PDB file of all heavy atoms in Angstrom:
ATOM      1  N   THR A   1     -31.085  12.179   8.486  1.00  0.00           N
ATOM      2  CA  THR A   1     -29.961  12.296   7.568  1.00  0.00           C
ATOM      3  C   THR A   1     -28.984  11.164   7.817  1.00  0.00           C
ATOM      4  O   THR A   1     -28.897  10.624   8.934  1.00  0.00           O
ATOM      5  CB  THR A   1     -29.262  13.663   7.695  1.00  0.00           C
ATOM      6  OG1 THR A   1     -28.380  13.859   6.594  1.00  0.00           O
ATOM      7  CG2 THR A   1     -28.484  13.793   8.994  1.00  0.00           C
ATOM      8  N   LEU A   2     -28.253  10.784   6.772  1.00  0.00           N
ATOM      9  CA  LEU A   2     -27.258   9.724   6.819  1.00  0.00           C
ATOM     10  C   LEU A   2     -25.864  10.336   6.791  1.00  0.00           C
ATOM     11  O   LEU A   2     -25.585  11.234   5.994  1.00  0.00           O
ATOM     12  CB  LEU A   2     -27.409   8.781   5.625  1.00  0.00           C
ATOM     13  CG  LEU A   2     -28.739   8.048   5.455  1.00  0.00           C
ATOM     14  CD1 LEU A   2     -28.763   7.319   4.115  1.00  0.00           C
ATOM     15  CD2 LEU A   2     -28.948   7.069   6.587  1.00  0.00           C
ATOM     16  N   ALA A   3     -24.982   9.831   7.643  1.00  0.00           N
ATOM     17  CA  ALA A   3     -23.601  10.293   7.648  1.00  0.00           C
ATOM     18  C   ALA A   3     -22.769   9.309   8.463  1.00  0.00           C
ATOM     19  O   ALA A   3     -23.290   8.610   9.337  1.00  0.00           O
ATOM     20  CB  ALA A   3     -23.485  11.701   8.239  1.00  0.00           C
ATOM     21  N   ASP A   4     -21.488   9.270   8.176  1.00  0.00           N
ATOM     22  CA  ASP A   4     -20.563   8.471   8.985  1.00  0.00           C
ATOM     23  C   ASP A   4     -20.128   9.339  10.159  1.00  0.00           C
ATOM     24  O   ASP A   4     -19.062   9.947  10.143  1.00  0.00           O
ATOM     25  CB  ASP A   4     -19.372   8.036   8.128  1.00  0.00           C
ATOM     26  CG  ASP A   4     -18.357   7.216   8.914  1.00  0.00           C
ATOM     27  OD1 ASP A   4     -18.644   6.840  10.072  1.00  0.00           O
ATOM     28  OD2 ASP A   4     -17.262   6.961   8.369  1.00  0.00           O
ATOM     29  N   PHE A   5     -20.958   9.384  11.188  1.00  0.00           N
ATOM     30  CA  PHE A   5     -20.712  10.318  12.288  1.00  0.00           C
ATOM     31  C   PHE A   5     -19.500   9.930  13.128  1.00  0.00           C
ATOM     32  O   PHE A   5     -18.816  10.812  13.655  1.00  0.00           O
ATOM     33  CB  PHE A   5     -21.949  10.428  13.176  1.00  0.00           C
ATOM     34  CG  PHE A   5     -23.074  11.219  12.560  1.00  0.00           C
ATOM     35  CD1 PHE A   5     -24.225  10.594  12.135  1.00  0.00           C
ATOM     36  CD2 PHE A   5     -22.967  12.590  12.385  1.00  0.00           C
ATOM     37  CE1 PHE A   5     -25.263  11.315  11.556  1.00  0.00           C
ATOM     38  CE2 PHE A   5     -23.992  13.323  11.809  1.00  0.00           C
ATOM     39  CZ  PHE A   5     -25.145  12.684  11.394  1.00  0.00           C
ATOM     40  N   ASP A   6     -19.216   8.631  13.284  1.00  0.00           N
ATOM     41  CA  ASP A   6     -18.094   8.240  14.141  1.00  0.00           C
ATOM     42  C   ASP A   6     -16.825   7.915  13.361  1.00  0.00           C
ATOM     43  O   ASP A   6     -15.819   7.522  13.949  1.00  0.00           O
ATOM     44  CB  ASP A   6     -18.475   7.058  15.041  1.00  0.00           C
ATOM     45  CG  ASP A   6     -18.808   5.792  14.260  1.00  0.00           C
ATOM     46  OD1 ASP A   6     -18.957   5.879  13.026  1.00  0.00           O
ATOM     47  OD2 ASP A   6     -18.938   4.732  14.894  1.00  0.00           O
ATOM     48  N   GLY A   7     -16.850   8.055  12.031  1.00  0.00           N
ATOM     49  CA  GLY A   7     -15.648   7.887  11.234  1.00  0.00           C
ATOM     50  C   GLY A   7     -15.156   6.462  11.132  1.00  0.00           C
ATOM     51  O   GLY A   7     -13.957   6.237  10.933  1.00  0.00           O
ATOM     52  N   ASP A   8     -16.076   5.467  11.203  1.00  0.00           N
ATOM     53  CA  ASP A   8     -15.655   4.073  11.085  1.00  0.00           C
ATOM     54  C   ASP A   8     -15.833   3.521   9.680  1.00  0.00           C
ATOM     55  O   ASP A   8     -15.605   2.339   9.436  1.00  0.00           O
ATOM     56  CB  ASP A   8     -16.398   3.198  12.096  1.00  0.00           C
ATOM     57  CG  ASP A   8     -17.893   3.070  11.801  1.00  0.00           C
ATOM     58  OD1 ASP A   8     -18.404   3.795  10.909  1.00  0.00           O
ATOM     59  OD2 ASP A   8     -18.560   2.263  12.472  1.00  0.00           O
ATOM     60  N   GLY A   9     -16.271   4.373   8.743  1.00  0.00           N
ATOM     61  CA  GLY A   9     -16.449   3.949   7.368  1.00  0.00           C
ATOM     62  C   GLY A   9     -17.839   3.471   7.025  1.00  0.00           C
ATOM     63  O   GLY A   9     -18.088   3.031   5.900  1.00  0.00           O
ATOM     64  N   ASN A  10     -18.793   3.548   7.974  1.00  0.00           N
ATOM     65  CA  ASN A  10     -20.164   3.096   7.756  1.00  0.00           C
ATOM     66  C   ASN A  10     -21.145   4.221   8.054  1.00  0.00           C
ATOM     67  O   ASN A  10     -20.848   5.147   8.825  1.00  0.00           O
ATOM     68  CB  ASN A  10     -20.476   1.897   8.662  1.00  0.00           C
ATOM     69  CG  ASN A  10     -19.568   0.716   8.388  1.00  0.00           C
ATOM     70  OD1 ASN A  10     -19.605   0.129   7.317  1.00  0.00           O
ATOM     71  ND2 ASN A  10     -18.729   0.383   9.362  1.00  0.00           N
ATOM     72  N   LEU A  11     -22.327   4.121   7.446  1.00  0.00           N
ATOM     73  CA  LEU A  11     -23.330   5.175   7.588  1.00  0.00           C
ATOM     74  C   LEU A  11     -24.136   5.005   8.870  1.00  0.00           C
ATOM     75  O   LEU A  11     -24.682   3.934   9.147  1.00  0.00           O
ATOM     76  CB  LEU A  11     -24.291   5.166   6.397  1.00  0.00           C
ATOM     77  CG  LEU A  11     -23.741   5.650   5.062  1.00  0.00           C
ATOM     78  CD1 LEU A  11     -24.824   5.592   4.001  1.00  0.00           C
ATOM     79  CD2 LEU A  11     -23.187   7.062   5.186  1.00  0.00           C
ATOM     80  N   ASP A  12     -24.219   6.081   9.636  1.00  0.00           N
ATOM     81  CA  ASP A  12     -25.085   6.161  10.808  1.00  0.00           C
ATOM     82  C   ASP A  12     -26.306   6.996  10.453  1.00  0.00           C
ATOM     83  O   ASP A  12     -26.366   7.621   9.382  1.00  0.00           O
ATOM     84  CB  ASP A  12     -24.315   6.780  11.983  1.00  0.00           C
ATOM     85  CG  ASP A  12     -22.963   6.110  12.197  1.00  0.00           C
ATOM     86  OD1 ASP A  12     -22.953   4.882  12.431  1.00  0.00           O
ATOM     87  OD2 ASP A  12     -21.933   6.800  12.110  1.00  0.00           O
ATOM     88  N   ILE A  13     -27.286   7.042  11.355  1.00  0.00           N
ATOM     89  CA  ILE A  13     -28.547   7.715  11.057  1.00  0.00           C
ATOM     90  C   ILE A  13     -28.900   8.671  12.191  1.00  0.00           C
ATOM     91  O   ILE A  13     -28.941   8.271  13.359  1.00  0.00           O
ATOM     92  CB  ILE A  13     -29.699   6.704  10.877  1.00  0.00           C
ATOM     93  CG1 ILE A  13     -29.378   5.695   9.780  1.00  0.00           C
ATOM     94  CG2 ILE A  13     -31.003   7.427  10.570  1.00  0.00           C
ATOM     95  CD1 ILE A  13     -30.399   4.572   9.665  1.00  0.00           C
ATOM     96  N   TYR A  14     -29.152   9.925  11.833  1.00  0.00           N
ATOM     97  CA  TYR A  14     -29.745  10.877  12.777  1.00  0.00           C
ATOM     98  C   TYR A  14     -31.246  10.945  12.520  1.00  0.00           C
ATOM     99  O   TYR A  14     -31.685  11.071  11.371  1.00  0.00           O
ATOM    100  CB  TYR A  14     -29.137  12.270  12.621  1.00  0.00           C
ATOM    101  CG  TYR A  14     -29.987  13.346  13.272  1.00  0.00           C
ATOM    102  CD1 TYR A  14     -29.972  13.541  14.650  1.00  0.00           C
ATOM    103  CD2 TYR A  14     -30.843  14.146  12.508  1.00  0.00           C
ATOM    104  CE1 TYR A  14     -30.777  14.496  15.247  1.00  0.00           C
ATOM    105  CE2 TYR A  14     -31.644  15.109  13.098  1.00  0.00           C
ATOM    106  CZ  TYR A  14     -31.610  15.274  14.472  1.00  0.00           C
ATOM    107  OH  TYR A  14     -32.412  16.218  15.054  1.00  0.00           O
ATOM    108  N   ILE A  15     -32.043  10.869  13.586  1.00  0.00           N
ATOM    109  CA  ILE A  15     -33.490  10.975  13.502  1.00  0.00           C
ATOM    110  C   ILE A  15     -33.941  12.155  14.351  1.00  0.00           C
ATOM    111  O   ILE A  15     -33.657  12.213  15.560  1.00  0.00           O
ATOM    112  CB  ILE A  15     -34.184   9.691  14.017  1.00  0.00           C
ATOM    113  CG1 ILE A  15     -33.814   8.496  13.131  1.00  0.00           C
ATOM    114  CG2 ILE A  15     -35.695   9.874  14.081  1.00  0.00           C
ATOM    115  CD1 ILE A  15     -34.370   8.549  11.737  1.00  0.00           C
ATOM    116  N   GLY A  16     -34.647  13.115  13.735  1.00  0.00           N
ATOM    117  CA  GLY A  16     -35.172  14.279  14.448  1.00  0.00           C
ATOM    118  C   GLY A  16     -36.683  14.206  14.536  1.00  0.00           C
ATOM    119  O   GLY A  16     -37.367  14.219  13.501  1.00  0.00           O
ATOM    120  N   ASN A  17     -37.221  14.135  15.748  1.00  0.00           N
ATOM    121  CA  ASN A  17     -38.663  14.026  15.950  1.00  0.00           C
ATOM    122  C   ASN A  17     -39.290  15.381  16.240  1.00  0.00           C
ATOM    123  O   ASN A  17     -38.645  16.288  16.785  1.00  0.00           O
ATOM    124  CB  ASN A  17     -38.975  13.050  17.083  1.00  0.00           C
ATOM    125  CG  ASN A  17     -38.748  11.605  16.673  1.00  0.00           C
ATOM    126  OD1 ASN A  17     -38.813  11.283  15.485  1.00  0.00           O
ATOM    127  ND2 ASN A  17     -38.465  10.737  17.622  1.00  0.00           N
ATOM    128  N   TYR A  18     -40.553  15.496  15.883  1.00  0.00           N
ATOM    129  CA  TYR A  18     -41.290  16.751  16.039  1.00  0.00           C
ATOM    130  C   TYR A  18     -42.182  16.675  17.288  1.00  0.00           C
ATOM    131  O   TYR A  18     -41.792  17.146  18.359  1.00  0.00           O
ATOM    132  CB  TYR A  18     -42.113  17.020  14.777  1.00  0.00           C
ATOM    133  CG  TYR A  18     -42.718  18.408  14.723  1.00  0.00           C
ATOM    134  CD1 TYR A  18     -41.911  19.523  14.501  1.00  0.00           C
ATOM    135  CD2 TYR A  18     -44.077  18.610  14.879  1.00  0.00           C
ATOM    136  CE1 TYR A  18     -42.447  20.799  14.438  1.00  0.00           C
ATOM    137  CE2 TYR A  18     -44.628  19.881  14.814  1.00  0.00           C
ATOM    138  CZ  TYR A  18     -43.815  20.971  14.599  1.00  0.00           C
ATOM    139  OH  TYR A  18     -44.348  22.232  14.546  1.00  0.00           O
ATOM    140  N   PHE A  19     -43.361  16.061  17.184  1.00  0.00           N
ATOM    141  CA  PHE A  19     -44.183  15.855  18.370  1.00  0.00           C
ATOM    142  C   PHE A  19     -43.525  14.824  19.290  1.00  0.00           C
ATOM    143  O   PHE A  19     -42.839  13.916  18.817  1.00  0.00           O
ATOM    144  CB  PHE A  19     -45.574  15.339  17.979  1.00  0.00           C
ATOM    145  CG  PHE A  19     -46.467  16.385  17.358  1.00  0.00           C
ATOM    146  CD1 PHE A  19     -46.650  16.424  15.989  1.00  0.00           C
ATOM    147  CD2 PHE A  19     -47.135  17.310  18.144  1.00  0.00           C
ATOM    148  CE1 PHE A  19     -47.472  17.371  15.406  1.00  0.00           C
ATOM    149  CE2 PHE A  19     -47.963  18.266  17.570  1.00  0.00           C
ATOM    150  CZ  PHE A  19     -48.131  18.301  16.209  1.00  0.00           C
ATOM    151  N   PRO A  20     -43.746  14.921  20.602  1.00  0.00           N
ATOM    152  CA  PRO A  20     -43.336  13.820  21.479  1.00  0.00           C
ATOM    153  C   PRO A  20     -44.042  12.532  21.067  1.00  0.00           C
ATOM    154  O   PRO A  20     -45.068  12.568  20.374  1.00  0.00           O
ATOM    155  CB  PRO A  20     -43.799  14.280  22.866  1.00  0.00           C
ATOM    156  CG  PRO A  20     -44.030  15.744  22.754  1.00  0.00           C
ATOM    157  CD  PRO A  20     -44.416  16.011  21.329  1.00  0.00           C
ATOM    158  N   ASP A  21     -43.486  11.411  21.479  1.00  0.00           N
ATOM    159  CA  ASP A  21     -44.098  10.122  21.156  1.00  0.00           C
ATOM    160  C   ASP A  21     -45.541  10.128  21.659  1.00  0.00           C
ATOM    161  O   ASP A  21     -45.789  10.175  22.873  1.00  0.00           O
ATOM    162  CB  ASP A  21     -43.330   8.981  21.824  1.00  0.00           C
ATOM    163  CG  ASP A  21     -41.889   8.901  21.343  1.00  0.00           C
ATOM    164  OD1 ASP A  21     -41.472   9.762  20.553  1.00  0.00           O
ATOM    165  OD2 ASP A  21     -41.188   7.970  21.770  1.00  0.00           O
ATOM    166  N   SER A  22     -46.493  10.071  20.721  1.00  0.00           N
ATOM    167  CA  SER A  22     -47.901  10.216  21.098  1.00  0.00           C
ATOM    168  C   SER A  22     -48.786   9.854  19.912  1.00  0.00           C
ATOM    169  O   SER A  22     -48.336   9.867  18.763  1.00  0.00           O
ATOM    170  CB  SER A  22     -48.198  11.657  21.546  1.00  0.00           C
ATOM    171  OG  SER A  22     -47.805  12.591  20.552  1.00  0.00           O
ATOM    172  N   PRO A  23     -50.083   9.570  20.166  1.00  0.00           N
ATOM    173  CA  PRO A  23     -51.002   9.148  19.092  1.00  0.00           C
ATOM    174  C   PRO A  23     -51.568  10.324  18.307  1.00  0.00           C
ATOM    175  O   PRO A  23     -52.768  10.596  18.321  1.00  0.00           O
ATOM    176  CB  PRO A  23     -52.090   8.410  19.867  1.00  0.00           C
ATOM    177  CG  PRO A  23     -52.139   9.089  21.184  1.00  0.00           C
ATOM    178  CD  PRO A  23     -50.723   9.478  21.496  1.00  0.00           C
ATOM    179  N   VAL A  24     -50.701  11.022  17.571  1.00  0.00           N
ATOM    180  CA  VAL A  24     -51.093  12.249  16.872  1.00  0.00           C
ATOM    181  C   VAL A  24     -52.199  11.978  15.845  1.00  0.00           C
ATOM    182  O   VAL A  24     -53.138  12.774  15.709  1.00  0.00           O
ATOM    183  CB  VAL A  24     -49.863  12.874  16.188  1.00  0.00           C
ATOM    184  CG1 VAL A  24     -50.272  14.060  15.315  1.00  0.00           C
ATOM    185  CG2 VAL A  24     -48.844  13.316  17.223  1.00  0.00           C
ATOM    186  N   LEU A  25     -52.118  10.850  15.137  1.00  0.00           N
ATOM    187  CA  LEU A  25     -53.024  10.591  14.018  1.00  0.00           C
ATOM    188  C   LEU A  25     -54.095   9.549  14.349  1.00  0.00           C
ATOM    189  O   LEU A  25     -54.693   8.966  13.444  1.00  0.00           O
ATOM    190  CB  LEU A  25     -52.221  10.133  12.796  1.00  0.00           C
ATOM    191  CG  LEU A  25     -51.167  11.126  12.285  1.00  0.00           C
ATOM    192  CD1 LEU A  25     -50.429  10.549  11.085  1.00  0.00           C
ATOM    193  CD2 LEU A  25     -51.790  12.466  11.924  1.00  0.00           C
ATOM    194  N   ASP A  26     -54.378   9.350  15.625  1.00  0.00           N
ATOM    195  CA  ASP A  26     -55.379   8.354  16.026  1.00  0.00           C
ATOM    196  C   ASP A  26     -56.678   9.051  16.421  1.00  0.00           C
ATOM    197  O   ASP A  26     -56.787   9.605  17.515  1.00  0.00           O
ATOM    198  CB  ASP A  26     -54.850   7.535  17.199  1.00  0.00           C
ATOM    199  CG  ASP A  26     -55.768   6.369  17.547  1.00  0.00           C
ATOM    200  OD1 ASP A  26     -56.894   6.313  17.024  1.00  0.00           O
ATOM    201  OD2 ASP A  26     -55.355   5.519  18.359  1.00  0.00           O
ATOM    202  N   PRO A  27     -57.688   9.055  15.541  1.00  0.00           N
ATOM    203  CA  PRO A  27     -58.954   9.732  15.867  1.00  0.00           C
ATOM    204  C   PRO A  27     -59.735   9.019  16.969  1.00  0.00           C
ATOM    205  O   PRO A  27     -60.676   9.590  17.525  1.00  0.00           O
ATOM    206  CB  PRO A  27     -59.726   9.699  14.542  1.00  0.00           C
ATOM    207  CG  PRO A  27     -59.179   8.518  13.816  1.00  0.00           C
ATOM    208  CD  PRO A  27     -57.731   8.426  14.206  1.00  0.00           C
ATOM    209  N   GLY A  28     -59.349   7.798  17.321  1.00  0.00           N
ATOM    210  CA  GLY A  28     -59.995   7.095  18.418  1.00  0.00           C
ATOM    211  C   GLY A  28     -59.515   7.545  19.779  1.00  0.00           C
ATOM    212  O   GLY A  28     -60.094   7.157  20.798  1.00  0.00           O
ATOM    213  N   GLU A  29     -58.443   8.343  19.797  1.00  0.00           N
ATOM    214  CA  GLU A  29     -57.926   8.905  21.044  1.00  0.00           C
ATOM    215  C   GLU A  29     -58.341  10.368  21.152  1.00  0.00           C
ATOM    216  O   GLU A  29     -58.487  11.059  20.145  1.00  0.00           O
ATOM    217  CB  GLU A  29     -56.405   8.800  21.085  1.00  0.00           C
ATOM    218  CG  GLU A  29     -55.864   7.390  21.067  1.00  0.00           C
ATOM    219  CD  GLU A  29     -55.954   6.728  22.425  1.00  0.00           C
ATOM    220  OE1 GLU A  29     -56.175   7.444  23.427  1.00  0.00           O
ATOM    221  OE2 GLU A  29     -55.810   5.486  22.492  1.00  0.00           O
ATOM    222  N   ASN A  30     -58.517  10.816  22.387  1.00  0.00           N
ATOM    223  CA  ASN A  30     -58.835  12.228  22.635  1.00  0.00           C
ATOM    224  C   ASN A  30     -57.981  12.715  23.797  1.00  0.00           C
ATOM    225  O   ASN A  30     -58.419  12.777  24.932  1.00  0.00           O
ATOM    226  CB  ASN A  30     -60.316  12.420  22.951  1.00  0.00           C
ATOM    227  CG  ASN A  30     -60.739  13.881  22.862  1.00  0.00           C
ATOM    228  OD1 ASN A  30     -59.911  14.775  22.978  1.00  0.00           O
ATOM    229  ND2 ASN A  30     -62.011  14.124  22.645  1.00  0.00           N
ATOM    230  N   GLY A  31     -56.736  13.005  23.480  1.00  0.00           N
ATOM    231  CA  GLY A  31     -55.786  13.415  24.499  1.00  0.00           C
ATOM    232  C   GLY A  31     -54.499  12.633  24.384  1.00  0.00           C
ATOM    233  O   GLY A  31     -54.268  11.880  23.429  1.00  0.00           O
ATOM    234  N   GLY A  32     -53.650  12.820  25.392  1.00  0.00           N
ATOM    235  CA  GLY A  32     -52.338  12.190  25.359  1.00  0.00           C
ATOM    236  C   GLY A  32     -51.386  12.853  24.398  1.00  0.00           C
ATOM    237  O   GLY A  32     -50.366  12.259  24.031  1.00  0.00           O
ATOM    238  N   VAL A  33     -51.712  14.077  23.971  1.00  0.00           N
ATOM    239  CA  VAL A  33     -50.895  14.822  23.022  1.00  0.00           C
ATOM    240  C   VAL A  33     -50.708  16.245  23.537  1.00  0.00           C
ATOM    241  O   VAL A  33     -51.464  16.712  24.394  1.00  0.00           O
ATOM    242  CB  VAL A  33     -51.540  14.853  21.619  1.00  0.00           C
ATOM    243  CG1 VAL A  33     -51.573  13.470  21.011  1.00  0.00           C
ATOM    244  CG2 VAL A  33     -52.949  15.427  21.685  1.00  0.00           C
TER     245      VAL A  33
END
């Protein structure tokens, strides 16, 4: 989502992740998830 979180007049960005950083969509990997 976009919002001016610190009130300086500019848009900041919140990023919400689901899986931990990992090769979720890599069929060449078997693990690490």
